[in-house]
C-alpha atoms as a PDB file:
ATOM      1  CA  MET A   1      -0.302   0.043  -0.239  1.00  0.00           C
ATOM      2  CA  LEU A   2       2.686   2.701   0.847  1.00  0.00           C
ATOM      3  CA  ILE A   3       4.673   1.450  -2.455  1.00  0.00           C
ATOM      4  CA  LYS A   4       1.468   2.072  -4.424  1.00  0.00           C
ATOM      5  CA  LEU A   5       0.776   5.359  -3.070  1.00  0.00           C
ATOM      6  CA  LYS A   6       4.455   6.532  -3.403  1.00  0.00           C
ATOM      7  CA  LEU A   7       4.330   5.512  -7.110  1.00  0.00           C
ATOM      8  CA  GLU A   8       0.897   7.514  -6.910  1.00  0.00           C
ATOM      9  CA  ASP A   9       2.774  10.451  -5.966  1.00  0.00           C
ATOM     10  CA  MET A  10       5.244  10.022  -7.937  1.00  0.00           C
ATOM     11  CA  LYS A  11       2.991  10.130 -10.921  1.00  0.00           C
ATOM     12  CA  TYR A  12       1.009  13.425 -10.038  1.00  0.00           C
ATOM     13  CA  ILE A  13       4.328  15.203  -9.104  1.00  0.00           C
ATOM     14  CA  ILE A  14       5.678  14.170 -12.716  1.00  0.00           C
ATOM     15  CA  ILE A  15       2.555  15.864 -14.150  1.00  0.00           C
ATOM     16  CA  ILE A  16       2.985  18.413 -11.880  1.00  0.00           C
ATOM     17  CA  PHE A  17       6.146  19.646 -13.186  1.00  0.00           C
ATOM     18  CA  ALA A  18       5.247  18.980 -16.992  1.00  0.00           C
ATOM     19  CA  LEU A  19       2.808  21.456 -16.357  1.00  0.00           C
ATOM     20  CA  ILE A  20       5.021  23.671 -14.786  1.00  0.00           C
ATOM     21  CA  GLY A  21       7.403  23.544 -17.951  1.00  0.00           C
ATOM     22  CA  LEU A  22       4.841  23.923 -20.427  1.00  0.00           C
ATOM     23  CA  PHE A  23       3.560  26.788 -18.409  1.00  0.00           C
ATOM     24  CA  ALA A  24       7.106  28.403 -18.569  1.00  0.00           C
ATOM     25  CA  GLY A  25       7.620  27.678 -22.038  1.00  0.00           C
ATOM     26  CA  ILE A  26       4.526  29.289 -23.074  1.00  0.00           C
ATOM     27  CA  LEU A  27       5.284  32.254 -20.752  1.00  0.00           C
ATOM     28  CA  SER A  28       9.137  32.388 -22.498  1.00  0.00           C
ATOM     29  CA  ILE A  29       7.426  32.636 -25.890  1.00  0.00           C
ATOM     30  CA  ASP A  30       4.512  35.344 -24.660  1.00  0.00           C
ATOM     31  CA  TYR A  31       7.496  37.225 -23.562  1.00  0.00           C
ATOM     32  CA  ARG A  32       9.484  36.727 -26.407  1.00  0.00           C
ATOM     33  CA  LYS A  33       7.204  37.666 -28.846  1.00  0.00           C
ATOM     34  CA  SER A  34       5.943  40.637 -26.539  1.00  0.00           C
ATOM     35  CA  ILE A  35       9.637  42.117 -26.193  1.00  0.00           C
ATOM     36  CA  GLU A  36      10.069  41.964 -30.208  1.00  0.00           C
ATOM     37  CA  SER A  37       6.385  43.112 -30.759  1.00  0.00           C
ATOM     38  CA  PHE A  38       7.226  46.416 -28.726  1.00  0.00           C
ATOM     39  CA  TYR A  39      11.064  46.853 -29.603  1.00  0.00           C
ATOM     40  CA  ILE A  40      10.975  46.038 -33.507  1.00  0.00           C
ATOM     41  CA  THR A  41       7.871  47.721 -34.446  1.00  0.00           C
ATOM     42  CA  ASP A  42       8.071  50.960 -36.374  1.00  0.00           C
ATOM     43  CA  GLN A  43       6.991  52.904 -33.337  1.00  0.00           C
ATOM     44  CA  TYR A  44      10.593  52.036 -32.259  1.00  0.00           C
ATOM     45  CA  GLU A  45      12.393  55.580 -32.324  1.00  0.00           C
ATOM     46  CA  ARG A  46      16.243  55.807 -33.092  1.00  0.00           C
ATOM     47  CA  ILE A  47      18.525  58.480 -30.985  1.00  0.00           C
ATOM     48  CA  THR A  48      18.511  61.965 -32.681  1.00  0.00           C
ATOM     49  CA  SER A  49      19.946  63.583 -29.618  1.00  0.00           C
ATOM     50  CA  ILE A  50      21.033  62.530 -26.363  1.00  0.00           C
ATOM     51  CA  GLN A  51      22.551  63.675 -22.847  1.00  0.00           C
ATOM     52  CA  TYR A  52      23.747  60.980 -20.660  1.00  0.00           C
ATOM     53  CA  SER A  53      26.488  59.989 -17.939  1.00  0.00           C
ATOM     54  CA  GLU A  54      28.479  56.826 -18.461  1.00  0.00           C
ATOM     55  CA  LYS A  55      30.836  54.880 -15.633  1.00  0.00           C
ATOM     56  CA  LYS A  56      32.967  51.956 -17.131  1.00  0.00           C
ATOM     57  CA  GLU A  57      34.639  49.976 -14.697  1.00  0.00           C
ATOM     58  CA  THR A  58      37.349  47.327 -16.040  1.00  0.00           C
ATOM     59  CA  TYR A  59      39.207  44.657 -14.183  1.00  0.00           C
ATOM     60  CA  GLY A  60      42.105  43.758 -15.343  1.00  0.00           C
ATOM     61  CA  ILE A  61      44.537  40.641 -13.693  1.00  0.00           C
ATOM     62  CA  GLY A  62      47.589  42.574 -11.758  1.00  0.00           C
ATOM     63  CA  ASP A  63      45.801  46.003 -13.097  1.00  0.00           C
ATOM     64  CA  GLY A  64      43.312  46.295 -10.343  1.00  0.00           C
ATOM     65  CA  LYS A  65      39.924  47.876 -11.289  1.00  0.00           C
ATOM     66  CA  ASN A  66      39.800  50.996 -13.733  1.00  0.00           C
ATOM     67  CA  ILE A  67      37.407  53.755 -13.940  1.00  0.00           C
ATOM     68  CA  GLU A  68      36.044  55.716 -16.319  1.00  0.00           C
ATOM     69  CA  SER A  69      33.164  58.422 -16.241  1.00  0.00           C
ATOM     70  CA  ASN A  70      32.105  60.712 -18.988  1.00  0.00           C
ATOM     71  CA  LYS A  71      29.346  62.658 -19.860  1.00  0.00           C
ATOM     72  CA  ILE A  72      28.108  62.859 -23.517  1.00  0.00           C
ATOM     73  CA  THR A  73      25.812  65.216 -25.370  1.00  0.00           C
ATOM     74  CA  TYR A  74      24.852  64.044 -28.849  1.00  0.00           C
ATOM     75  CA  VAL A  75      22.624  65.221 -31.523  1.00  0.00           C
ATOM     76  CA  PHE A  76      22.371  63.361 -35.092  1.00  0.00           C
ATOM     77  CA  PRO A  77      24.402  63.802 -37.471  1.00  0.00           C
ATOM     78  CA  ASP A  78      27.714  65.945 -36.299  1.00  0.00           C
ATOM     79  CA  LYS A  79      27.487  67.582 -32.788  1.00  0.00           C
ATOM     80  CA  LEU A  80      29.203  65.739 -30.216  1.00  0.00           C
ATOM     81  CA  ARG A  81      30.618  66.966 -26.543  1.00  0.00           C
ATOM     82  CA  ILE A  82      32.547  64.699 -24.217  1.00  0.00           C
ATOM     83  CA  GLU A  83      33.302  65.885 -20.753  1.00  0.00           C
ATOM     84  CA  SER A  84      36.011  63.095 -18.958  1.00  0.00           C
ATOM     85  CA  SER A  85      36.623  63.353 -15.067  1.00  0.00           C
ATOM     86  CA  GLY A  86      38.785  61.638 -13.093  1.00  0.00           C
ATOM     87  CA  LYS A  87      42.422  61.112 -12.918  1.00  0.00           C
ATOM     88  CA  SER A  88      42.334  63.585 -15.833  1.00  0.00           C
ATOM     89  CA  ARG A  89      39.614  66.369 -16.409  1.00  0.00           C
ATOM     90  CA  SER A  90      39.004  67.208 -20.374  1.00  0.00           C
ATOM     91  CA  VAL A  91      36.338  68.644 -22.864  1.00  0.00           C
ATOM     92  CA  GLU A  92      36.242  67.516 -26.457  1.00  0.00           C
ATOM     93  CA  ILE A  93      33.857  69.251 -28.894  1.00  0.00           C
ATOM     94  CA  TYR A  94      33.272  67.686 -32.087  1.00  0.00           C
ATOM     95  CA  LYS A  95      30.954  70.519 -34.411  1.00  0.00           C
ATOM     96  CA  TYR A  96      30.503  69.909 -38.067  1.00  0.00           C
ATOM     97  CA  ASP A  97      34.229  69.899 -39.215  1.00  0.00           C
ATOM     98  CA  THR A  98      36.144  71.211 -36.023  1.00  0.00           C
ATOM     99  CA  TYR A  99      37.464  69.836 -33.199  1.00  0.00           C
ATOM    100  CA  LEU A 100      37.875  71.654 -29.346  1.00  0.00           C
ATOM    101  CA  TYR A 101      40.043  70.169 -26.821  1.00  0.00           C
ATOM    102  CA  TYR A 102      40.354  71.585 -23.574  1.00  0.00           C
ATOM    103  CA  ASP A 103      42.169  70.159 -20.669  1.00  0.00           C
ATOM    104  CA  PHE A 104      41.612  71.745 -17.164  1.00  0.00           C
ATOM    105  CA  ASN A 105      45.519  71.892 -16.663  1.00  0.00           C
ATOM    106  CA  SER A 106      46.221  73.610 -19.685  1.00  0.00           C
ATOM    107  CA  SER A 107      46.348  77.449 -20.578  1.00  0.00           C
ATOM    108  CA  HIS A 108      44.724  77.129 -24.179  1.00  0.00           C
ATOM    109  CA  ILE A 109      42.364  75.372 -26.351  1.00  0.00           C
ATOM    110  CA  LYS A 110      43.565  73.189 -29.010  1.00  0.00           C
ATOM    111  CA  SER A 111      41.421  73.659 -31.937  1.00  0.00           C
ATOM    112  CA  LYS A 112      41.711  71.165 -35.226  1.00  0.00           C
ATOM    113  CA  GLU A 113      40.348  70.503 -38.196  1.00  0.00           C
ATOM    114  CA  CYS A 114      38.150  67.059 -38.252  1.00  0.00           C
ATOM    115  CA  PHE A 115      35.636  64.614 -40.030  1.00  0.00           C
ATOM    116  CA  PRO A 116      31.982  64.841 -38.899  1.00  0.00           C
ATOM    117  CA  PRO A 117      32.171  62.935 -35.608  1.00  0.00           C
ATOM    118  CA  GLU A 118      31.290  59.277 -35.236  1.00  0.00           C
ATOM    119  CA  GLU A 119      28.098  58.479 -32.853  1.00  0.00           C
ATOM    120  CA  PRO A 120      28.676  57.931 -29.565  1.00  0.00           C
ATOM    121  CA  TYR A 121      29.128  55.032 -27.699  1.00  0.00           C
ATOM    122  CA  ILE A 122      25.670  54.338 -26.461  1.00  0.00           C
ATOM    123  CA  THR A 123      24.124  54.528 -30.019  1.00  0.00           C
ATOM    124  CA  GLU A 124      26.557  51.378 -31.031  1.00  0.00           C
ATOM    125  CA  ILE A 125      25.120  49.412 -27.860  1.00  0.00           C
ATOM    126  CA  GLU A 126      21.694  50.558 -29.249  1.00  0.00           C
ATOM    127  CA  LYS A 127      22.138  48.884 -32.705  1.00  0.00           C
ATOM    128  CA  LYS A 128      23.674  45.905 -30.836  1.00  0.00           C
ATOM    129  CA  MET A 129      20.508  45.366 -28.482  1.00  0.00           C
ATOM    130  CA  ILE A 130      18.380  46.030 -31.906  1.00  0.00           C
ATOM    131  CA  ASN A 131      20.498  43.339 -33.634  1.00  0.00           C
ATOM    132  CA  ILE A 132      20.144  40.840 -30.198  1.00  0.00           C
ATOM    133  CA  LEU A 133      16.371  41.224 -30.155  1.00  0.00           C
ATOM    134  CA  LYS A 134      15.852  40.768 -34.157  1.00  0.00           C
ATOM    135  CA  SER A 135      18.075  37.695 -34.157  1.00  0.00           C
ATOM    136  CA  GLY A 136      16.195  36.114 -30.844  1.00  0.00           C
ATOM    137  CA  GLU A 137      19.708  35.066 -29.945  1.00  0.00           C
ATOM    138  CA  TYR A 138      19.488  36.049 -26.259  1.00  0.00           C
ATOM    139  CA  GLU A 139      18.039  34.947 -22.948  1.00  0.00           C
ATOM    140  CA  PHE A 140      15.529  36.443 -20.866  1.00  0.00           C
ATOM    141  CA  LEU A 141      17.282  36.325 -17.226  1.00  0.00           C
ATOM    142  CA  GLY A 142      14.146  38.240 -15.513  1.00  0.00           C
ATOM    143  CA  TYR A 143      13.555  41.691 -14.242  1.00  0.00           C
ATOM    144  CA  GLU A 144      15.016  44.045 -11.460  1.00  0.00           C
ATOM    145  CA  GLU A 145      13.936  47.230 -10.088  1.00  0.00           C
ATOM    146  CA  LYS A 146      16.652  49.731  -9.965  1.00  0.00           C
ATOM    147  CA  ASP A 147      16.613  53.732  -9.293  1.00  0.00           C
ATOM    148  CA  SER A 148      12.648  53.424  -9.074  1.00  0.00           C
ATOM    149  CA  LYS A 149      12.726  51.644 -12.771  1.00  0.00           C
ATOM    150  CA  ARG A 150      11.713  48.065 -13.836  1.00  0.00           C
ATOM    151  CA  LEU A 151      14.493  46.745 -15.951  1.00  0.00           C
ATOM    152  CA  GLU A 152      14.360  43.858 -17.891  1.00  0.00           C
ATOM    153  CA  ILE A 153      17.425  41.513 -18.362  1.00  0.00           C
ATOM    154  CA  ILE A 154      18.734  39.752 -21.225  1.00  0.00           C
ATOM    155  CA  GLY A 155      22.164  38.031 -22.013  1.00  0.00           C
ATOM    156  CA  VAL A 156      23.818  36.594 -24.727  1.00  0.00           C
ATOM    157  CA  ARG A 157      26.030  33.678 -24.382  1.00  0.00           C
ATOM    158  CA  SER A 158      29.087  32.239 -26.767  1.00  0.00           C
ATOM    159  CA  LYS A 159      31.861  29.948 -26.610  1.00  0.00           C
ATOM    160  CA  ALA A 160      35.256  30.143 -28.265  1.00  0.00           C
ATOM    161  CA  ASP A 161      38.978  29.162 -27.867  1.00  0.00           C
ATOM    162  CA  GLY A 162      38.039  26.849 -24.918  1.00  0.00           C
ATOM    163  CA  HIS A 163      36.130  29.928 -22.974  1.00  0.00           C
ATOM    164  CA  SER A 164      32.788  31.079 -22.170  1.00  0.00           C
ATOM    165  CA  TYR A 165      31.512  34.462 -22.922  1.00  0.00           C
ATOM    166  CA  MET A 166      28.886  36.276 -21.681  1.00  0.00           C
ATOM    167  CA  HIS A 167      26.833  39.894 -22.642  1.00  0.00           C
ATOM    168  CA  LYS A 168      24.612  40.417 -19.500  1.00  0.00           C
ATOM    169  CA  LEU A 169      22.370  43.872 -20.433  1.00  0.00           C
ATOM    170  CA  TRP A 170      20.164  45.740 -18.268  1.00  0.00           C
ATOM    171  CA  ILE A 171      17.105  47.732 -20.523  1.00  0.00           C
ATOM    172  CA  THR A 172      14.762  50.258 -20.323  1.00  0.00           C
ATOM    173  CA  GLU A 173      12.535  52.190 -22.378  1.00  0.00           C
ATOM    174  CA  ILE A 174      13.214  56.001 -22.927  1.00  0.00           C
ATOM    175  CA  ASN A 175      10.711  58.010 -25.034  1.00  0.00           C
ATOM    176  CA  LYS A 176      10.327  54.598 -26.924  1.00  0.00           C
ATOM    177  CA  VAL A 177      14.319  54.053 -27.161  1.00  0.00           C
ATOM    178  CA  VAL A 178      15.438  51.021 -26.007  1.00  0.00           C
ATOM    179  CA  LEU A 179      18.643  51.454 -23.605  1.00  0.00           C
ATOM    180  CA  PRO A 180      20.889  49.255 -21.401  1.00  0.00           C
ATOM    181  CA  HIS A 181      20.998  50.956 -17.854  1.00  0.00           C
ATOM    182  CA  ILE A 182      23.777  48.803 -17.231  1.00  0.00           C
ATOM    183  CA  GLU A 183      25.681  46.376 -19.314  1.00  0.00           C
ATOM    184  CA  GLU A 184      28.556  43.738 -18.260  1.00  0.00           C
ATOM    185  CA  TYR A 185      30.976  41.469 -19.887  1.00  0.00           C
ATOM    186  CA  PHE A 186      31.847  38.010 -18.355  1.00  0.00           C
ATOM    187  CA  ILE A 187      34.773  35.666 -19.235  1.00  0.00           C
ATOM    188  CA  ASP A 188      34.193  32.105 -17.884  1.00  0.00           C
ATOM    189  CA  ASN A 189      31.612  33.634 -15.570  1.00  0.00           C
ATOM    190  CA  VAL A 190      34.118  36.279 -14.265  1.00  0.00           C
ATOM    191  CA  VAL A 191      33.076  39.905 -14.901  1.00  0.00           C
ATOM    192  CA  VAL A 192      35.653  41.730 -17.071  1.00  0.00           C
ATOM    193  CA  SER A 193      33.799  45.192 -17.190  1.00  0.00           C
ATOM    194  CA  LYS A 194      30.748  46.867 -16.165  1.00  0.00           C
ATOM    195  CA  SER A 195      29.171  49.939 -17.362  1.00  0.00           C
ATOM    196  CA  SER A 196      26.284  51.949 -15.860  1.00  0.00           C
ATOM    197  CA  PHE A 197      24.285  54.827 -17.654  1.00  0.00           C
ATOM    198  CA  GLU A 198      22.262  57.759 -16.313  1.00  0.00           C
ATOM    199  CA  TYR A 199      20.440  59.774 -18.916  1.00  0.00           C
ATOM    200  CA  PHE A 200      18.826  63.362 -18.829  1.00  0.00           C
ATOM    201  CA  ASN A 201      17.631  63.768 -22.248  1.00  0.00           C
ATOM    202  CA  VAL A 202      16.711  61.475 -24.951  1.00  0.00           C
ATOM    203  CA  ASN A 203      15.170  62.810 -28.279  1.00  0.00           C
ATOM    204  CA  GLU A 204      14.929  66.093 -26.507  1.00  0.00           C
ATOM    205  CA  PRO A 205      16.089  69.585 -27.378  1.00  0.00           C
ATOM    206  CA  VAL A 206      19.559  70.222 -27.060  1.00  0.00           C
ATOM    207  CA  ASN A 207      20.696  73.571 -26.011  1.00  0.00           C
ATOM    208  CA  PRO A 208      23.391  74.277 -29.226  1.00  0.00           C
ATOM    209  CA  ASN A 209      25.565  76.304 -26.833  1.00  0.00           C
ATOM    210  CA  VAL A 210      27.267  73.317 -25.433  1.00  0.00           C
ATOM    211  CA  PHE A 211      28.890  72.679 -28.635  1.00  0.00           C
ATOM    212  CA  SER A 212      29.839  75.973 -28.820  1.00  0.00           C
ATOM    213  CA  ILE A 213      33.990  77.685 -27.569  1.00  0.00           C
ATOM    214  CA  GLU A 214      32.194  79.954 -25.735  1.00  0.00           C
ATOM    215  CA  SER A 215      30.881  77.206 -23.696  1.00  0.00           C
ATOM    216  CA  LEU A 216      34.864  76.733 -22.305  1.00  0.00           C
ATOM    217  CA  PRO A 217      36.893  78.896 -20.480  1.00  0.00           C
ATOM    218  CA  GLN A 218      38.156  82.246 -22.159  1.00  0.00           C
ATOM    219  CA  LEU A 219      41.351  80.898 -23.332  1.00  0.00           C
ATOM    220  CA  GLN A 220      43.455  81.545 -26.233  1.00  0.00           C
ATOM    221  CA  VAL A 221      42.398  79.000 -29.040  1.00  0.00           C
ATOM    222  CA  VAL A 222      45.716  77.590 -30.663  1.00  0.00           C
ATOM    223  CA  ASP A 223      45.358  75.881 -34.419  1.00  0.00           C
ATOM    224  CA  ASP A 224      47.003  72.686 -33.802  1.00  0.00           C
ATOM    225  CA  GLY A 225      46.228  71.205 -37.556  1.00  0.00           C
ATOM    226  CA  VAL A 226      44.117  68.603 -38.199  1.00  0.00           C
ATOM    227  CA  LEU A 227      42.643  65.136 -36.484  1.00  0.00           C
ATOM    228  CA  SER A 228      42.773  61.830 -38.422  1.00  0.00           C
ATOM    229  CA  LYS A 229      39.775  59.549 -38.106  1.00  0.00           C
ATOM    230  CA  HIS A 230      40.709  56.166 -37.536  1.00  0.00           C
ATOM    231  CA  MET A 231      38.754  52.995 -39.597  1.00  0.00           C
ATOM    232  CA  GLU A 232      38.297  49.490 -39.925  1.00  0.00           C
ATOM    233  CA  THR A 233      38.416  48.936 -43.612  1.00  0.00           C
ATOM    234  CA  PHE A 234      39.482  50.050 -46.823  1.00  0.00           C
ATOM    235  CA  LYS A 235      35.890  50.253 -47.657  1.00  0.00           C
ATOM    236  CA  GLU A 236      34.721  52.695 -44.681  1.00  0.00           C
ATOM    237  CA  ALA A 237      37.673  54.695 -45.597  1.00  0.00           C
ATOM    238  CA  GLN A 238      36.661  55.459 -49.170  1.00  0.00           C
ATOM    239  CA  LYS A 239      33.234  56.767 -48.119  1.00  0.00           C
ATOM    240  CA  TYR A 240      35.333  59.644 -47.038  1.00  0.00           C
ATOM    241  CA  MET A 241      37.372  60.020 -50.287  1.00  0.00           C
ATOM    242  CA  ASN A 242      36.820  62.245 -52.940  1.00  0.00           C
ATOM    243  CA  PHE A 243      38.578  59.833 -55.427  1.00  0.00           C
ATOM    244  CA  LYS A 244      39.026  56.299 -55.799  1.00  0.00           C
ATOM    245  CA  LEU A 245      41.520  54.505 -53.578  1.00  0.00           C
ATOM    246  CA  ILE A 246      44.469  52.533 -55.692  1.00  0.00           C
ATOM    247  CA  LEU A 247      45.281  49.724 -53.509  1.00  0.00           C
ATOM    248  CA  PRO A 248      47.327  46.716 -54.330  1.00  0.00           C
ATOM    249  CA  GLU A 249      45.431  43.508 -55.412  1.00  0.00           C
ATOM    250  CA  GLN A 250      48.157  41.134 -53.413  1.00  0.00           C
ATOM    251  CA  LEU A 251      50.023  42.502 -50.470  1.00  0.00           C
ATOM    252  CA  PRO A 252      53.813  40.850 -50.217  1.00  0.00           C
ATOM    253  CA  ILE A 253      53.870  37.997 -47.674  1.00  0.00           C
ATOM    254  CA  GLY A 254      54.448  38.863 -44.228  1.00  0.00           C
ATOM    255  CA  LEU A 255      53.085  42.351 -45.068  1.00  0.00           C
ATOM    256  CA  ILE A 256      50.104  43.180 -42.605  1.00  0.00           C
ATOM    257  CA  PRO A 257      47.786  46.486 -42.574  1.00  0.00           C
ATOM    258  CA  SER A 258      47.736  47.603 -38.831  1.00  0.00           C
ATOM    259  CA  GLU A 259      46.295  51.000 -39.476  1.00  0.00           C
ATOM    260  CA  ILE A 260      43.858  52.603 -41.605  1.00  0.00           C
ATOM    261  CA  GLY A 261      42.766  56.351 -41.509  1.00  0.00           C
ATOM    262  CA  VAL A 262      41.719  59.334 -43.639  1.00  0.00           C
ATOM    263  CA  VAL A 263      42.795  63.198 -42.631  1.00  0.00           C
ATOM    264  CA  PRO A 264      41.230  66.312 -43.127  1.00  0.00           C
ATOM    265  CA  PRO A 265      41.129  69.104 -45.244  1.00  0.00           C
ATOM    266  CA  VAL A 266      37.392  67.627 -45.275  1.00  0.00           C
ATOM    267  CA  LYS A 267      37.024  69.076 -48.838  1.00  0.00           C
ATOM    268  CA  LYS A 268      40.387  67.547 -50.190  1.00  0.00           C
ATOM    269  CA  PRO A 269      40.978  64.502 -47.951  1.00  0.00           C
ATOM    270  CA  SER A 270      43.952  61.999 -47.826  1.00  0.00           C
ATOM    271  CA  PHE A 271      44.245  58.678 -47.121  1.00  0.00           C
ATOM    272  CA  TYR A 272      46.884  56.745 -45.042  1.00  0.00           C
ATOM    273  CA  CYS A 273      47.663  53.225 -44.461  1.00  0.00           C
ATOM    274  CA  ILE A 274      50.626  51.842 -42.273  1.00  0.00           C
ATOM    275  CA  TYR A 275      51.759  48.471 -42.564  1.00  0.00           C
ATOM    276  CA  PHE A 276      54.067  46.140 -40.456  1.00  0.00           C
ATOM    277  CA  LYS A 277      56.672  43.325 -41.241  1.00  0.00           C
ATOM    278  CA  GLU A 278      58.709  42.188 -38.820  1.00  0.00           C
ATOM    279  CA  GLY A 279      58.513  45.063 -36.495  1.00  0.00           C
ATOM    280  CA  TYR A 280      59.528  47.584 -39.609  1.00  0.00           C
ATOM    281  CA  ARG A 281      56.661  50.041 -41.118  1.00  0.00           C
ATOM    282  CA  ILE A 282      55.872  51.093 -44.263  1.00  0.00           C
ATOM    283  CA  TYR A 283      53.553  54.064 -44.641  1.00  0.00           C
ATOM    284  CA  LEU A 284      51.401  54.629 -47.865  1.00  0.00           C
ATOM    285  CA  ASN A 285      49.495  57.997 -48.488  1.00  0.00           C
ATOM    286  CA  GLU A 286      47.449  58.758 -51.158  1.00  0.00           C
ATOM    287  CA  LYS A 287      45.782  62.372 -52.314  1.00  0.00           C
ATOM    288  CA  GLY A 288      43.056  63.134 -54.892  1.00  0.00           C
ATOM    289  CA  GLU A 289      45.937  65.409 -56.652  1.00  0.00           C
ATOM    290  CA  LYS A 290      49.060  65.328 -58.524  1.00  0.00           C
ATOM    291  CA  ILE A 291      52.229  66.572 -56.776  1.00  0.00           C
ATOM    292  CA  GLN A 292      55.473  67.600 -58.018  1.00  0.00           C
ATOM    293  CA  ILE A 293      58.298  65.059 -58.057  1.00  0.00           C
ATOM    294  CA  LYS A 294      62.267  65.213 -58.949  1.00  0.00           C
ATOM    295  CA  PRO A 295      61.712  62.253 -61.483  1.00  0.00           C
ATOM    296  CA  ASN A 296      64.952  60.071 -61.241  1.00  0.00           C
ATOM    297  CA  SER A 297      63.310  56.369 -61.993  1.00  0.00           C
ATOM    298  CA  ALA A 298      59.860  54.851 -62.888  1.00  0.00           C
ATOM    299  CA  LEU A 299      57.075  52.249 -62.780  1.00  0.00           C
ATOM    300  CA  GLY A 300      56.503  51.428 -65.882  1.00  0.00           C
ATOM    301  CA  LYS A 301      54.486  54.502 -67.325  1.00  0.00           C
ATOM    302  CA  PHE A 302      54.830  56.624 -64.291  1.00  0.00           C
ATOM    303  CA  PRO A 303      57.640  58.920 -63.698  1.00  0.00           C
ATOM    304  CA  ALA A 304      58.403  58.041 -60.029  1.00  0.00           C
ATOM    305  CA  GLU A 305      60.858  59.762 -57.260  1.00  0.00           C
ATOM    306  CA  PHE A 306      62.821  57.413 -55.419  1.00  0.00           C
ATOM    307  CA  MET A 307      65.250  58.323 -52.579  1.00  0.00           C
ATOM    308  CA  ILE A 308      67.286  56.680 -49.949  1.00  0.00           C
ATOM    309  CA  GLU A 309      68.467  58.850 -46.926  1.00  0.00           C
ATOM    310  CA  ASP A 310      69.598  57.863 -43.772  1.00  0.00           C
ATOM    311  CA  GLU A 311      68.779  54.275 -43.856  1.00  0.00           C
ATOM    312  CA  LYS A 312      65.110  55.490 -44.939  1.00  0.00           C
ATOM    313  CA  ALA A 313      63.542  55.079 -48.112  1.00  0.00           C
ATOM    314  CA  LEU A 314      60.650  56.982 -50.097  1.00  0.00           C
ATOM    315  CA  LEU A 315      59.240  56.130 -53.063  1.00  0.00           C
ATOM    316  CA  SER A 316      56.726  58.828 -54.831  1.00  0.00           C
ATOM    317  CA  TRP A 317      54.724  58.959 -58.419  1.00  0.00           C
ATOM    318  CA  ASN A 318      51.384  60.442 -59.768  1.00  0.00           C
ATOM    319  CA  GLN A 319      48.779  57.786 -61.234  1.00  0.00           C
ATOM    320  CA  ASN A 320      45.902  58.512 -62.418  1.00  0.00           C
ATOM    321  CA  ASN A 321      45.372  61.887 -60.786  1.00  0.00           C
ATOM    322  CA  ILE A 322      45.826  60.202 -57.507  1.00  0.00           C
ATOM    323  CA  SER A 323      49.616  61.239 -55.998  1.00  0.00           C
ATOM    324  CA  ILE A 324      50.829  57.903 -54.240  1.00  0.00           C
ATOM    325  CA  THR A 325      54.245  58.281 -51.619  1.00  0.00           C
ATOM    326  CA  LEU A 326      55.282  55.121 -49.448  1.00  0.00           C
ATOM    327  CA  THR A 327      57.716  55.702 -47.185  1.00  0.00           C
ATOM    328  CA  GLY A 328      59.581  52.996 -44.793  1.00  0.00           C
ATOM    329  CA  ASP A 329      63.012  51.454 -43.222  1.00  0.00           C
ATOM    330  CA  GLU A 330      65.695  50.667 -45.887  1.00  0.00           C
ATOM    331  CA  ALA A 331      65.918  47.549 -44.199  1.00  0.00           C
ATOM    332  CA  ILE A 332      62.738  46.191 -45.957  1.00  0.00           C
ATOM    333  CA  LEU A 333      63.242  47.903 -49.369  1.00  0.00           C
ATOM    334  CA  LYS A 334      62.146  45.069 -50.973  1.00  0.00           C
ATOM    335  CA  TYR A 335      58.833  45.171 -49.673  1.00  0.00           C
ATOM    336  CA  ILE A 336      58.024  48.931 -50.422  1.00  0.00           C
ATOM    337  CA  ILE A 337      59.440  48.415 -53.589  1.00  0.00           C
ATOM    338  CA  ASN A 338      56.766  45.168 -54.215  1.00  0.00           C
ATOM    339  CA  LEU A 339      54.059  47.030 -52.605  1.00  0.00           C
ATOM    340  CA  ALA A 340      54.454  49.843 -55.192  1.00  0.00           C
ATOM    341  CA  GLU A 341      54.357  47.620 -57.823  1.00  0.00           C
ATOM    342  CA  GLN A 342      51.577  45.682 -56.863  1.00  0.00           C
ATOM    343  CA  ILE A 343      49.663  49.236 -56.050  1.00  0.00           C
ATOM    344  CA  SER A 344      50.861  50.551 -59.819  1.00  0.00           C
ATOM    345  CA  GLY A 345      50.551  47.205 -61.767  1.00  0.00           C
ATOM    346  CA  GLU A 346      54.070  48.063 -63.109  1.00  0.00           C
ATOM    347  CA  LYS A 347      57.713  47.176 -62.525  1.00  0.00           C
ATOM    348  CA  LEU A 348      60.388  49.626 -61.023  1.00  0.00           C
ATOM    349  CA  VAL A 349      63.314  50.828 -63.338  1.00  0.00           C
ATOM    350  CA  LYS A 350      65.947  52.342 -60.999  1.00  0.00           C
ATOM    351  CA  ASN A 351      68.068  54.985 -62.014  1.00  0.00           C
ATOM    352  CA  ASP A 352      71.780  53.732 -62.216  1.00  0.00           C
ATOM    353  CA  ASN A 353      72.623  56.036 -59.306  1.00  0.00           C
ATOM    354  CA  ILE A 354      70.138  54.685 -56.893  1.00  0.00           C
ATOM    355  CA  ASN A 355      71.557  51.345 -54.950  1.00  0.00           C
END
């Protein structure tokens, strides 16, 4: 009789757990449908203006905890102000093609010509969240009440090279914009960075005076040249050029592009790429106009200037109304020549007086 009761009890327990599992599954499906329908509809707004503060903590073995704090004001597409505090205090202002920099320990303000600013970090997270929510490749981890807000917690897990990774987000909605309140990254269940955000203004008017030079102390403004813009790819750099880049079809073996960038003036931009080879560097520079050279060699049909001085090599020529210059250490001269030949599609013919 006792055994029979236990078997009966087990049967009911199994049924109860099955119902709980089914109910949880239905809730999970309903939640995902609700979160996706809310965040991915046409009613969803993108950031056009924002003011917020970010506190970021990073943790490293032997480095302890590093804390960075910034207050950021942004108006799409070309006005950005970053106020940094901590060990050093500074203000950066991007407005159209002008960049202003003021360090609170300095006696002057630096001014550079620049390209319109990139969107701030928060918009990158916003895009990332949209991609996460659209893909459905996330876990719903629950809710949490914080700072009088009900936050939804989601996480994205992955594995690579024998390690587990977790990107965890506490998200909220302000003026129909989905934004993170807290963001954490984990490696092997250990947090390696944590960011917290406070929002003052989302998609509301921003006082334009915060982007003016008058918002900084009344100090001398020093012209400090231009501000280069770093890129991830050649394709991205091409968007800023008013001429078509001429790039090597094939790189010499062992040559690695390590830095890609564009340089103002905005109306006449130039392009550069730094290649690495066994600790040495080769600099490629291209401009959308011919420059004067002193031809003493040739790359096929293109007259070229070839110099070696103080163990540095220079090779410069004009091709299709574009000026191209390569510079680097004489120790890797053959790679400089090979790169020039790949770019021009021609063989270098040197003057007899050049080794």
